[in-house]
Amino acid sequence: MAAKWPIAADVLGKAIGLSDEQIAAEQEELAFFAATVCSLIDRDTGRKVEPHRHEIPGAGLPPEFEMSAREWGKLMWNQTKGGTNARGQSAEPTAPAGVGMPAKVAVWLAPFPPRIFYGSGT
């Protein structure tokens, strides 16, 4: 697997805006969210089938992957944990969680498509 991938719990915690104490307290949950969002990105970009796809020799994955994981993970965390919305208002606990991949993440990852394999399950 590429260096810095999947992203670490502390990377996601910083993206969300949690303090070091909050990151320490939520370490296990943050790691779960980080692994989940990276797995979803790997599936969408074909890395589930080809684990080294899109890696740059000696540099790991392009920065768009980490940025995408941070943004998608932050959104997933806020929707699931009832964090604040983009305007800083508390989210409604009964509000729908929205859709899968955020549009800006889809744009960032568009240059990194999976190969089309017959029956690959990607």
N, C-alpha and C. Protein backbone atom coordinates (compact mmCIF):
# COMPACT_ATOMS: atom_id res chain seq x y z
N MET A 1 0.84 -1.18 0.00
CA MET A 1 0.00 0.00 0.00
C MET A 1 0.89 1.25 0.00
N ALA A 2 0.38 2.31 -0.50
CA ALA A 2 1.13 3.56 -0.61
C ALA A 2 1.37 4.17 0.77
N ALA A 3 2.46 4.92 0.88
CA ALA A 3 2.75 5.63 2.12
C ALA A 3 1.62 6.62 2.40
N LYS A 4 1.31 6.81 3.65
CA LYS A 4 0.26 7.73 4.11
C LYS A 4 -1.14 7.30 3.65
N TRP A 5 -1.29 6.04 3.29
CA TRP A 5 -2.60 5.55 2.84
C TRP A 5 -2.85 4.19 3.43
N PRO A 6 -3.98 3.92 4.00
CA PRO A 6 -5.06 4.88 4.26
C PRO A 6 -4.62 5.97 5.22
N ILE A 7 -5.35 7.09 5.21
CA ILE A 7 -4.98 8.19 6.10
C ILE A 7 -5.11 7.72 7.56
N ALA A 8 -4.37 8.36 8.42
CA ALA A 8 -4.38 8.01 9.84
C ALA A 8 -5.49 8.75 10.58
N ALA A 9 -5.83 8.24 11.74
CA ALA A 9 -6.88 8.84 12.57
C ALA A 9 -6.57 10.29 12.91
N ASP A 10 -5.31 10.60 13.22
CA ASP A 10 -4.98 11.97 13.58
C ASP A 10 -5.11 12.93 12.39
N VAL A 11 -4.86 12.44 11.17
CA VAL A 11 -5.03 13.27 9.98
C VAL A 11 -6.50 13.65 9.82
N LEU A 12 -7.37 12.66 9.98
CA LEU A 12 -8.81 12.93 9.87
C LEU A 12 -9.27 13.83 11.02
N GLY A 13 -8.78 13.58 12.22
CA GLY A 13 -9.16 14.40 13.37
C GLY A 13 -8.79 15.87 13.17
N LYS A 14 -7.61 16.12 12.62
CA LYS A 14 -7.19 17.51 12.34
C LYS A 14 -8.08 18.12 11.27
N ALA A 15 -8.44 17.34 10.23
CA ALA A 15 -9.30 17.84 9.16
C ALA A 15 -10.67 18.23 9.71
N ILE A 16 -11.16 17.46 10.67
CA ILE A 16 -12.46 17.74 11.29
C ILE A 16 -12.37 18.97 12.18
N GLY A 17 -11.19 19.22 12.73
CA GLY A 17 -11.00 20.36 13.62
C GLY A 17 -11.04 19.98 15.09
N LEU A 18 -10.75 18.71 15.38
CA LEU A 18 -10.75 18.25 16.77
C LEU A 18 -9.44 18.62 17.45
N SER A 19 -9.50 18.82 18.74
CA SER A 19 -8.29 19.09 19.52
C SER A 19 -7.51 17.78 19.68
N ASP A 20 -6.27 17.90 20.12
CA ASP A 20 -5.45 16.70 20.34
C ASP A 20 -6.10 15.78 21.37
N GLU A 21 -6.74 16.36 22.39
CA GLU A 21 -7.40 15.57 23.42
C GLU A 21 -8.62 14.82 22.83
N GLN A 22 -9.37 15.52 21.98
CA GLN A 22 -10.52 14.87 21.34
C GLN A 22 -10.08 13.77 20.39
N ILE A 23 -8.99 14.02 19.67
CA ILE A 23 -8.46 12.99 18.76
C ILE A 23 -8.05 11.76 19.56
N ALA A 24 -7.38 11.98 20.68
CA ALA A 24 -6.97 10.85 21.52
C ALA A 24 -8.17 10.07 22.04
N ALA A 25 -9.22 10.80 22.43
CA ALA A 25 -10.41 10.14 22.97
C ALA A 25 -11.19 9.40 21.89
N GLU A 26 -11.13 9.87 20.66
CA GLU A 26 -11.90 9.28 19.56
C GLU A 26 -11.03 8.47 18.60
N GLN A 27 -9.83 8.11 19.03
CA GLN A 27 -8.84 7.45 18.16
C GLN A 27 -9.41 6.26 17.40
N GLU A 28 -10.06 5.35 18.08
CA GLU A 28 -10.58 4.15 17.44
C GLU A 28 -11.66 4.48 16.40
N GLU A 29 -12.55 5.37 16.75
CA GLU A 29 -13.63 5.76 15.84
C GLU A 29 -13.09 6.53 14.63
N LEU A 30 -12.13 7.42 14.86
CA LEU A 30 -11.51 8.15 13.76
C LEU A 30 -10.79 7.20 12.81
N ALA A 31 -10.10 6.21 13.35
CA ALA A 31 -9.40 5.23 12.52
C ALA A 31 -10.40 4.44 11.66
N PHE A 32 -11.54 4.12 12.24
CA PHE A 32 -12.58 3.40 11.50
C PHE A 32 -13.11 4.25 10.35
N PHE A 33 -13.41 5.52 10.61
CA PHE A 33 -13.91 6.42 9.57
C PHE A 33 -12.85 6.62 8.48
N ALA A 34 -11.60 6.79 8.88
CA ALA A 34 -10.51 6.99 7.91
C ALA A 34 -10.36 5.76 7.01
N ALA A 35 -10.37 4.58 7.61
CA ALA A 35 -10.24 3.35 6.83
C ALA A 35 -11.43 3.17 5.89
N THR A 36 -12.62 3.52 6.35
CA THR A 36 -13.82 3.38 5.53
C THR A 36 -13.76 4.29 4.32
N VAL A 37 -13.46 5.56 4.52
CA VAL A 37 -13.45 6.49 3.40
C VAL A 37 -12.32 6.15 2.42
N CYS A 38 -11.19 5.70 2.90
CA CYS A 38 -10.10 5.31 2.00
C CYS A 38 -10.49 4.06 1.21
N SER A 39 -11.20 3.14 1.84
CA SER A 39 -11.69 1.95 1.14
C SER A 39 -12.66 2.34 0.03
N LEU A 40 -13.55 3.29 0.30
CA LEU A 40 -14.49 3.76 -0.71
C LEU A 40 -13.76 4.41 -1.88
N ILE A 41 -12.74 5.19 -1.58
CA ILE A 41 -11.94 5.83 -2.64
C ILE A 41 -11.20 4.77 -3.44
N ASP A 42 -10.63 3.78 -2.76
CA ASP A 42 -9.94 2.70 -3.46
C ASP A 42 -10.88 1.96 -4.40
N ARG A 43 -12.10 1.73 -3.96
CA ARG A 43 -13.09 1.06 -4.80
C ARG A 43 -13.41 1.91 -6.03
N ASP A 44 -13.60 3.21 -5.82
CA ASP A 44 -13.99 4.09 -6.91
C ASP A 44 -12.87 4.30 -7.93
N THR A 45 -11.63 4.23 -7.50
CA THR A 45 -10.50 4.48 -8.40
C THR A 45 -9.84 3.20 -8.91
N GLY A 46 -10.39 2.05 -8.55
CA GLY A 46 -9.85 0.79 -9.02
C GLY A 46 -8.72 0.22 -8.19
N ARG A 47 -8.38 0.88 -7.09
CA ARG A 47 -7.28 0.39 -6.25
C ARG A 47 -7.65 -0.86 -5.47
N LYS A 48 -8.95 -1.17 -5.34
CA LYS A 48 -9.35 -2.43 -4.69
C LYS A 48 -8.88 -3.62 -5.51
N VAL A 49 -8.95 -3.47 -6.85
CA VAL A 49 -8.56 -4.54 -7.77
C VAL A 49 -7.06 -4.47 -8.05
N GLU A 50 -6.53 -3.26 -8.20
CA GLU A 50 -5.11 -3.02 -8.47
C GLU A 50 -4.56 -2.13 -7.35
N PRO A 51 -4.06 -2.71 -6.27
CA PRO A 51 -3.66 -1.92 -5.10
C PRO A 51 -2.62 -0.82 -5.37
N HIS A 52 -1.84 -0.95 -6.44
CA HIS A 52 -0.81 0.06 -6.71
C HIS A 52 -1.22 1.02 -7.82
N ARG A 53 -2.47 0.94 -8.25
CA ARG A 53 -2.96 1.82 -9.31
C ARG A 53 -2.87 3.28 -8.86
N HIS A 54 -2.44 4.13 -9.74
CA HIS A 54 -2.32 5.58 -9.55
C HIS A 54 -1.17 6.00 -8.64
N GLU A 55 -0.36 5.06 -8.16
CA GLU A 55 0.78 5.43 -7.33
C GLU A 55 1.87 6.03 -8.21
N ILE A 56 2.54 7.03 -7.69
CA ILE A 56 3.67 7.67 -8.36
C ILE A 56 4.93 7.06 -7.77
N PRO A 57 5.79 6.47 -8.60
CA PRO A 57 7.01 5.83 -8.05
C PRO A 57 7.80 6.78 -7.15
N GLY A 58 8.06 6.31 -5.95
CA GLY A 58 8.82 7.08 -4.98
C GLY A 58 8.06 8.19 -4.28
N ALA A 59 6.81 8.40 -4.66
CA ALA A 59 6.05 9.50 -4.05
C ALA A 59 4.71 9.06 -3.47
N GLY A 60 4.31 7.82 -3.68
CA GLY A 60 3.02 7.36 -3.17
C GLY A 60 1.88 7.83 -4.06
N LEU A 61 0.75 8.08 -3.47
CA LEU A 61 -0.42 8.52 -4.22
C LEU A 61 -0.39 10.03 -4.45
N PRO A 62 -1.04 10.49 -5.52
CA PRO A 62 -1.14 11.94 -5.73
C PRO A 62 -1.85 12.60 -4.53
N PRO A 63 -1.57 13.87 -4.27
CA PRO A 63 -2.16 14.54 -3.11
C PRO A 63 -3.68 14.60 -3.15
N GLU A 64 -4.27 14.49 -4.34
CA GLU A 64 -5.73 14.51 -4.44
C GLU A 64 -6.38 13.39 -3.64
N PHE A 65 -5.69 12.27 -3.48
CA PHE A 65 -6.24 11.16 -2.72
C PHE A 65 -6.36 11.51 -1.25
N GLU A 66 -5.30 12.08 -0.66
CA GLU A 66 -5.36 12.44 0.76
C GLU A 66 -6.37 13.57 0.98
N MET A 67 -6.37 14.57 0.10
CA MET A 67 -7.33 15.66 0.24
C MET A 67 -8.76 15.13 0.14
N SER A 68 -8.99 14.21 -0.78
CA SER A 68 -10.32 13.62 -0.94
C SER A 68 -10.73 12.84 0.30
N ALA A 69 -9.80 12.07 0.85
CA ALA A 69 -10.10 11.30 2.06
C ALA A 69 -10.40 12.21 3.24
N ARG A 70 -9.66 13.29 3.37
CA ARG A 70 -9.91 14.25 4.46
C ARG A 70 -11.30 14.87 4.33
N GLU A 71 -11.61 15.35 3.13
CA GLU A 71 -12.89 16.03 2.93
C GLU A 71 -14.08 15.09 3.08
N TRP A 72 -13.98 13.93 2.46
CA TRP A 72 -15.09 12.97 2.54
C TRP A 72 -15.22 12.44 3.96
N GLY A 73 -14.10 12.17 4.62
CA GLY A 73 -14.12 11.71 6.00
C GLY A 73 -14.72 12.74 6.94
N LYS A 74 -14.38 14.01 6.72
CA LYS A 74 -14.93 15.09 7.54
C LYS A 74 -16.45 15.17 7.37
N LEU A 75 -16.91 15.09 6.13
CA LEU A 75 -18.35 15.13 5.88
C LEU A 75 -19.03 13.92 6.52
N MET A 76 -18.45 12.75 6.34
CA MET A 76 -19.03 11.52 6.91
C MET A 76 -19.10 11.62 8.43
N TRP A 77 -18.04 12.12 9.05
CA TRP A 77 -17.99 12.28 10.51
C TRP A 77 -19.09 13.23 10.98
N ASN A 78 -19.18 14.39 10.34
CA ASN A 78 -20.16 15.39 10.75
C ASN A 78 -21.59 14.90 10.55
N GLN A 79 -21.85 14.19 9.47
CA GLN A 79 -23.20 13.67 9.25
C GLN A 79 -23.54 12.57 10.24
N THR A 80 -22.60 11.70 10.51
CA THR A 80 -22.84 10.56 11.39
C THR A 80 -22.85 10.97 12.86
N LYS A 81 -21.95 11.84 13.22
CA LYS A 81 -21.80 12.23 14.63
C LYS A 81 -22.60 13.48 14.99
N GLY A 82 -23.33 14.05 14.02
CA GLY A 82 -24.13 15.23 14.31
C GLY A 82 -23.32 16.47 14.55
N GLY A 83 -22.23 16.62 13.78
CA GLY A 83 -21.38 17.80 13.92
C GLY A 83 -22.05 19.03 13.34
N THR A 84 -21.26 20.04 13.08
CA THR A 84 -21.81 21.28 12.54
C THR A 84 -21.78 21.25 11.02
N ASN A 85 -22.66 22.05 10.42
CA ASN A 85 -22.68 22.14 8.97
C ASN A 85 -21.69 23.22 8.51
N ALA A 86 -21.67 23.49 7.22
CA ALA A 86 -20.70 24.44 6.66
C ALA A 86 -20.87 25.85 7.22
N ARG A 87 -22.05 26.17 7.71
CA ARG A 87 -22.30 27.50 8.28
C ARG A 87 -22.06 27.54 9.78
N GLY A 88 -21.57 26.44 10.35
CA GLY A 88 -21.30 26.39 11.77
C GLY A 88 -22.51 26.13 12.63
N GLN A 89 -23.63 25.75 12.00
CA GLN A 89 -24.84 25.46 12.76
C GLN A 89 -24.88 23.98 13.08
N SER A 90 -25.48 23.65 14.22
CA SER A 90 -25.60 22.24 14.58
C SER A 90 -26.50 21.52 13.58
N ALA A 91 -26.10 20.31 13.23
CA ALA A 91 -26.89 19.52 12.30
C ALA A 91 -28.13 18.97 13.01
N GLU A 92 -29.19 18.85 12.26
CA GLU A 92 -30.41 18.23 12.78
C GLU A 92 -30.15 16.73 12.92
N PRO A 93 -30.37 16.14 14.08
CA PRO A 93 -30.11 14.71 14.23
C PRO A 93 -31.01 13.85 13.35
N THR A 94 -32.16 14.38 12.94
CA THR A 94 -33.06 13.60 12.10
C THR A 94 -32.92 13.96 10.62
N ALA A 95 -32.03 14.89 10.29
CA ALA A 95 -31.83 15.29 8.90
C ALA A 95 -31.22 14.14 8.11
N PRO A 96 -31.59 14.01 6.84
CA PRO A 96 -30.99 12.95 6.03
C PRO A 96 -29.49 13.17 5.91
N ALA A 97 -28.75 12.10 5.85
CA ALA A 97 -27.30 12.18 5.82
C ALA A 97 -26.76 12.57 4.46
N GLY A 98 -27.58 12.63 3.44
CA GLY A 98 -27.10 13.05 2.13
C GLY A 98 -26.73 11.88 1.26
N VAL A 99 -25.82 12.13 0.34
CA VAL A 99 -25.43 11.13 -0.64
C VAL A 99 -24.03 10.62 -0.33
N GLY A 100 -23.55 9.75 -1.19
CA GLY A 100 -22.23 9.17 -1.00
C GLY A 100 -21.11 10.17 -1.18
N MET A 101 -20.39 10.04 -2.28
CA MET A 101 -19.21 10.86 -2.51
C MET A 101 -19.59 12.33 -2.75
N PRO A 102 -18.97 13.25 -2.02
CA PRO A 102 -19.23 14.67 -2.28
C PRO A 102 -18.78 15.05 -3.69
N ALA A 103 -19.46 16.01 -4.29
CA ALA A 103 -19.18 16.41 -5.67
C ALA A 103 -17.73 16.86 -5.85
N LYS A 104 -17.18 17.63 -4.90
CA LYS A 104 -15.81 18.11 -5.08
C LYS A 104 -14.82 16.95 -5.03
N VAL A 105 -15.09 15.93 -4.23
CA VAL A 105 -14.22 14.75 -4.19
C VAL A 105 -14.30 14.01 -5.52
N ALA A 106 -15.50 13.90 -6.08
CA ALA A 106 -15.66 13.25 -7.39
C ALA A 106 -14.85 13.99 -8.46
N VAL A 107 -14.84 15.31 -8.40
CA VAL A 107 -14.07 16.11 -9.36
C VAL A 107 -12.58 15.87 -9.16
N TRP A 108 -12.13 15.87 -7.90
CA TRP A 108 -10.71 15.66 -7.63
C TRP A 108 -10.23 14.29 -8.08
N LEU A 109 -11.10 13.27 -7.95
CA LEU A 109 -10.71 11.90 -8.29
C LEU A 109 -11.02 11.52 -9.74
N ALA A 110 -11.71 12.39 -10.47
CA ALA A 110 -12.08 12.08 -11.86
C ALA A 110 -10.88 11.72 -12.74
N PRO A 111 -9.72 12.34 -12.58
CA PRO A 111 -8.58 11.96 -13.41
C PRO A 111 -7.96 10.59 -13.07
N PHE A 112 -8.52 9.91 -12.06
CA PHE A 112 -7.97 8.63 -11.60
C PHE A 112 -9.02 7.51 -11.68
N PRO A 113 -9.49 7.22 -12.88
CA PRO A 113 -10.56 6.21 -13.01
C PRO A 113 -10.02 4.79 -12.87
N PRO A 114 -10.91 3.85 -12.56
CA PRO A 114 -10.50 2.45 -12.56
C PRO A 114 -10.41 1.95 -14.00
N ARG A 115 -9.68 0.88 -14.20
CA ARG A 115 -9.72 0.21 -15.50
C ARG A 115 -11.04 -0.54 -15.56
N ILE A 116 -11.56 -0.71 -16.72
CA ILE A 116 -12.79 -1.46 -16.87
C ILE A 116 -12.42 -2.92 -17.14
N PHE A 117 -12.68 -3.74 -16.15
CA PHE A 117 -12.44 -5.17 -16.26
C PHE A 117 -13.78 -5.88 -16.29
N TYR A 118 -13.93 -6.81 -17.17
CA TYR A 118 -15.15 -7.60 -17.20
C TYR A 118 -15.22 -8.44 -15.93
N GLY A 119 -16.28 -8.25 -15.16
CA GLY A 119 -16.48 -9.05 -13.95
C GLY A 119 -15.56 -8.71 -12.80
N SER A 120 -14.97 -7.52 -12.80
CA SER A 120 -14.01 -7.18 -11.76
C SER A 120 -14.64 -6.83 -10.43
N GLY A 121 -15.93 -6.46 -10.44
CA GLY A 121 -16.61 -6.11 -9.20
C GLY A 121 -16.23 -4.75 -8.65
N THR A 122 -15.61 -3.89 -9.46
CA THR A 122 -15.22 -2.56 -8.96
C THR A 122 -16.38 -1.62 -8.92
